C-alpha cells in the first residue's frame, strides 16, 4: 500500500498509553494516525487536515467529545466516526448516534474490534452496549447509572448542574461517575 492509499484517521484520546498502543496498532494496519489529546487539539487539527475516519474517546478529562461530531461531519460528511468509551450508557449511545456518530463501542476493546466497529455499515445494529444486547431487566445499580448518564447528558456534561438536578452532593456524584458502570 502506498502513502496515497493510506487512510487518514484522527484519534482523540486523553489516555496517553492507550493512544500510543492504538496509534501503533492502526499504523500497522495502514492507517495514517493523528493523535489529539483534547477536543481543542482535535478542532485545530480538523481545520488544517482532512480525515477519513475519527475515533473519539467520549470522556476527555471530564469533558465530552460529542461536541466534536458536528465539526467533523461538516468538514467531511463522508467521514466514519466511532465513539469509544469506558463508561458506556444507553443515553450517551443514543445521543452520539443522533449527533451523527456512525457507531459507539464500549472499552475495553482491541484494535480489531475498534476497526470492525468503525468500518461497520450499521446494518447489524450499530449501538451495542451491554444492555442493548442483553434483554434481561437491569439491576437497580445499573438503572441508577443510566439515569445519572441521562441527566448528565441533559446538563451538557456539567457535573455541578447534574448534582443539583439529582439532589446529590457533587462529590458523591463524582465518585459514582469514576466507577465503571455495573453490568446489570
Protein backbone atom coordinates (compact mmCIF):
# COMPACT_ATOMS: atom_id res chain seq x y z
CA UNK A 1 0.00 0.00 0.00
CA UNK A 2 1.36 3.39 -0.95
CA UNK A 3 1.14 6.61 1.04
CA UNK A 4 -1.56 7.78 -1.39
CA UNK A 5 -3.66 4.71 -0.44
CA UNK A 6 -3.26 5.31 3.30
CA UNK A 7 -6.47 6.35 5.03
CA UNK A 8 -6.15 9.27 7.45
CA UNK A 9 -7.53 8.72 10.93
CA UNK A 10 -7.97 11.15 13.81
CA UNK A 11 -7.68 9.55 17.25
CA UNK A 12 -8.97 11.78 20.04
CA UNK A 13 -7.90 10.15 23.30
CA UNK A 14 -6.65 11.61 26.58
CA UNK A 15 -5.15 8.34 27.87
CA UNK A 16 -1.59 8.63 26.54
CA UNK A 17 -0.74 4.93 26.95
CA UNK A 18 -3.91 3.72 25.20
CA UNK A 19 -3.42 6.29 22.43
CA UNK A 20 0.17 5.15 21.85
CA UNK A 21 -0.90 1.48 21.65
CA UNK A 22 -3.80 2.28 19.30
CA UNK A 23 -1.69 4.54 17.10
CA UNK A 24 0.90 1.80 16.67
CA UNK A 25 -1.73 -0.91 16.01
CA UNK A 26 -3.61 1.21 13.49
CA UNK A 27 -0.41 2.29 11.75
CA UNK A 28 0.46 -1.40 11.24
CA UNK A 29 -2.94 -1.73 9.57
CA UNK A 30 -2.04 1.01 7.05
CA UNK A 31 -3.77 3.99 8.67
CA UNK A 32 -2.06 7.34 8.98
CA UNK A 33 -2.99 8.25 12.56
CA UNK A 34 -3.02 11.73 14.07
CA UNK A 35 -3.45 11.81 17.84
CA UNK A 36 -5.18 14.68 19.66
CA UNK A 37 -5.27 14.68 23.47
CA UNK A 38 -8.18 17.11 23.79
CA UNK A 39 -11.18 18.46 21.96
CA UNK A 40 -9.34 21.72 21.34
CA UNK A 41 -6.43 19.91 19.68
CA UNK A 42 -8.88 17.93 17.57
CA UNK A 43 -10.68 21.08 16.42
CA UNK A 44 -7.38 22.70 15.42
CA UNK A 45 -6.40 19.52 13.58
CA UNK A 46 -9.58 19.29 11.53
CA UNK A 47 -9.15 22.89 10.40
CA UNK A 48 -5.79 22.01 8.85
CA UNK A 49 -6.17 18.37 7.79
CA UNK A 50 -8.68 16.12 6.04
CA UNK A 51 -9.52 12.84 7.79
CA UNK A 52 -11.36 9.78 6.51
CA UNK A 53 -12.03 8.37 9.97
CA UNK A 54 -12.28 9.55 13.57
CA UNK A 55 -12.19 7.63 16.84
CA UNK A 56 -13.33 9.79 19.75
CA UNK A 57 -12.99 8.89 23.40
CA UNK A 58 -16.29 10.01 24.92
CA UNK A 59 -14.77 11.37 28.14
CA UNK A 60 -11.83 13.69 27.60
CA UNK A 61 -10.61 14.77 31.02
CA UNK A 62 -14.11 15.41 32.31
CA UNK A 63 -15.36 16.92 29.04
CA UNK A 64 -17.45 15.18 26.41
CA UNK A 65 -16.25 14.65 22.87
CA UNK A 66 -19.80 14.63 21.49
CA UNK A 67 -19.39 18.31 20.54
CA UNK A 68 -16.70 17.26 18.02
CA UNK A 69 -19.11 15.20 15.91
CA UNK A 70 -20.72 18.24 14.23
CA UNK A 71 -17.47 19.94 13.17
CA UNK A 72 -16.05 16.62 11.96
CA UNK A 73 -19.21 15.89 9.97
CA UNK A 74 -19.22 19.43 8.50
CA UNK A 75 -15.59 19.14 7.40
CA UNK A 76 -16.07 15.72 5.80
CA UNK A 77 -19.67 14.44 5.50
CA UNK A 78 -18.43 11.00 4.42
CA UNK A 79 -16.17 10.53 7.44
CA UNK A 80 -16.76 7.44 9.61
CA UNK A 81 -16.95 8.42 13.30
CA UNK A 82 -16.71 6.00 16.23
CA UNK A 83 -17.33 6.96 19.85
CA UNK A 84 -15.24 4.84 22.20
CA UNK A 85 -15.89 4.86 25.93
CA UNK A 86 -15.10 3.12 29.17
CA UNK A 87 -18.36 4.45 30.60
CA UNK A 88 -20.98 3.14 28.18
CA UNK A 89 -24.60 4.06 28.72
CA UNK A 90 -27.69 3.89 26.59
CA UNK A 91 -28.24 7.65 26.94
CA UNK A 92 -24.80 8.58 25.59
CA UNK A 93 -25.00 5.95 22.85
CA UNK A 94 -28.33 7.31 21.62
CA UNK A 95 -27.07 10.91 21.84
CA UNK A 96 -23.88 10.07 19.91
CA UNK A 97 -25.83 8.41 17.10
CA UNK A 98 -28.34 11.30 16.99
CA UNK A 99 -25.45 13.76 16.64
CA UNK A 100 -24.05 11.83 13.69
CA UNK A 101 -21.61 9.23 15.02
CA UNK A 102 -21.60 6.07 12.94
CA UNK A 103 -21.03 3.73 15.85
CA UNK A 104 -20.46 3.51 19.61
CA UNK A 105 -18.23 0.96 21.33
CA UNK A 106 -17.55 0.24 24.98
CA UNK A 107 -14.00 -0.28 26.22
CA UNK A 108 -12.11 -2.47 26.71
CA UNK A 109 -11.70 -3.17 23.02
CA UNK A 110 -8.71 -4.14 20.93
CA UNK A 111 -7.68 -2.65 17.59
CA UNK A 112 -9.55 -5.28 15.56
CA UNK A 113 -12.80 -4.69 17.48
CA UNK A 114 -12.38 -0.93 17.14
CA UNK A 115 -11.79 -1.15 13.39
CA UNK A 116 -14.74 -3.52 12.96
CA UNK A 117 -17.00 -1.01 14.76
CA UNK A 118 -15.53 1.93 12.84
CA UNK A 119 -15.96 0.28 9.45
CA UNK A 120 -19.34 -1.36 10.20
CA UNK A 121 -22.12 -0.15 7.95
CA UNK A 122 -24.56 -0.35 10.85
CA UNK A 123 -26.87 -2.92 9.26
CA UNK A 124 -26.36 -5.35 12.12
CA UNK A 125 -27.39 -2.95 14.87
CA UNK A 126 -24.65 -0.44 15.41
CA UNK A 127 -25.27 0.69 19.00
CA UNK A 128 -24.03 -2.07 21.24
CA UNK A 129 -23.85 -1.67 24.97
CA UNK A 130 -24.20 -4.49 27.44
CA UNK A 131 -27.86 -3.61 27.99
CA UNK A 132 -28.74 -3.15 24.33
CA UNK A 133 -27.59 -6.70 23.62
CA UNK A 134 -28.79 -8.29 26.86
CA UNK A 135 -32.57 -8.10 27.13
CA UNK A 136 -32.73 -9.04 30.82
CA UNK A 137 -34.10 -6.45 33.27
CA UNK A 138 -31.48 -4.04 34.61
CA UNK A 139 -30.40 -4.04 38.25
CA UNK A 140 -31.17 -1.04 40.46
CA UNK A 141 -27.48 -0.03 40.33
CA UNK A 142 -27.49 -0.17 36.53
CA UNK A 143 -30.74 1.82 36.37
CA UNK A 144 -29.14 4.44 38.64
CA UNK A 145 -26.08 4.58 36.34
CA UNK A 146 -28.28 5.01 33.25
CA UNK A 147 -30.34 7.73 34.96
CA UNK A 148 -27.21 9.62 36.04
CA UNK A 149 -25.84 9.42 32.48
CA UNK A 150 -29.15 10.70 31.05
CA UNK A 151 -29.27 13.65 33.46
CA UNK A 152 -25.57 14.38 32.86
CA UNK A 153 -26.25 14.42 29.11
CA UNK A 154 -29.23 16.77 29.62
CA UNK A 155 -26.89 19.11 31.54
CA UNK A 156 -24.27 19.03 28.76
CA UNK A 157 -21.75 17.21 30.96
CA UNK A 158 -21.94 19.81 33.75
CA UNK A 159 -21.37 17.85 36.96
CA UNK A 160 -22.50 20.64 39.31
CA UNK A 161 -25.79 21.14 37.46
CA UNK A 162 -26.32 17.37 37.32
CA UNK A 163 -25.71 17.04 41.06
CA UNK A 164 -28.26 19.81 41.73
CA UNK A 165 -30.81 18.17 39.43
CA UNK A 166 -30.30 14.80 41.13
CA UNK A 167 -30.34 16.45 44.58
CA UNK A 168 -26.99 14.81 45.26
CA UNK A 169 -23.77 16.15 46.70
CA UNK A 170 -21.30 16.98 43.92
CA UNK A 171 -18.51 14.81 45.36
CA UNK A 172 -20.88 11.85 45.70
CA UNK A 173 -21.78 12.23 42.03
CA UNK A 174 -18.10 12.47 41.07
CA UNK A 175 -17.37 9.23 42.95
CA UNK A 176 -20.24 7.49 41.18
CA UNK A 177 -19.02 8.74 37.80
CA UNK A 178 -15.46 7.49 38.43
CA UNK A 179 -16.70 3.92 38.82
CA UNK A 180 -17.21 1.70 35.84
CA UNK A 181 -20.86 1.01 35.01
CA UNK A 182 -22.30 -2.13 36.54
CA UNK A 183 -23.09 -4.94 34.13
CA UNK A 184 -26.76 -5.40 35.04
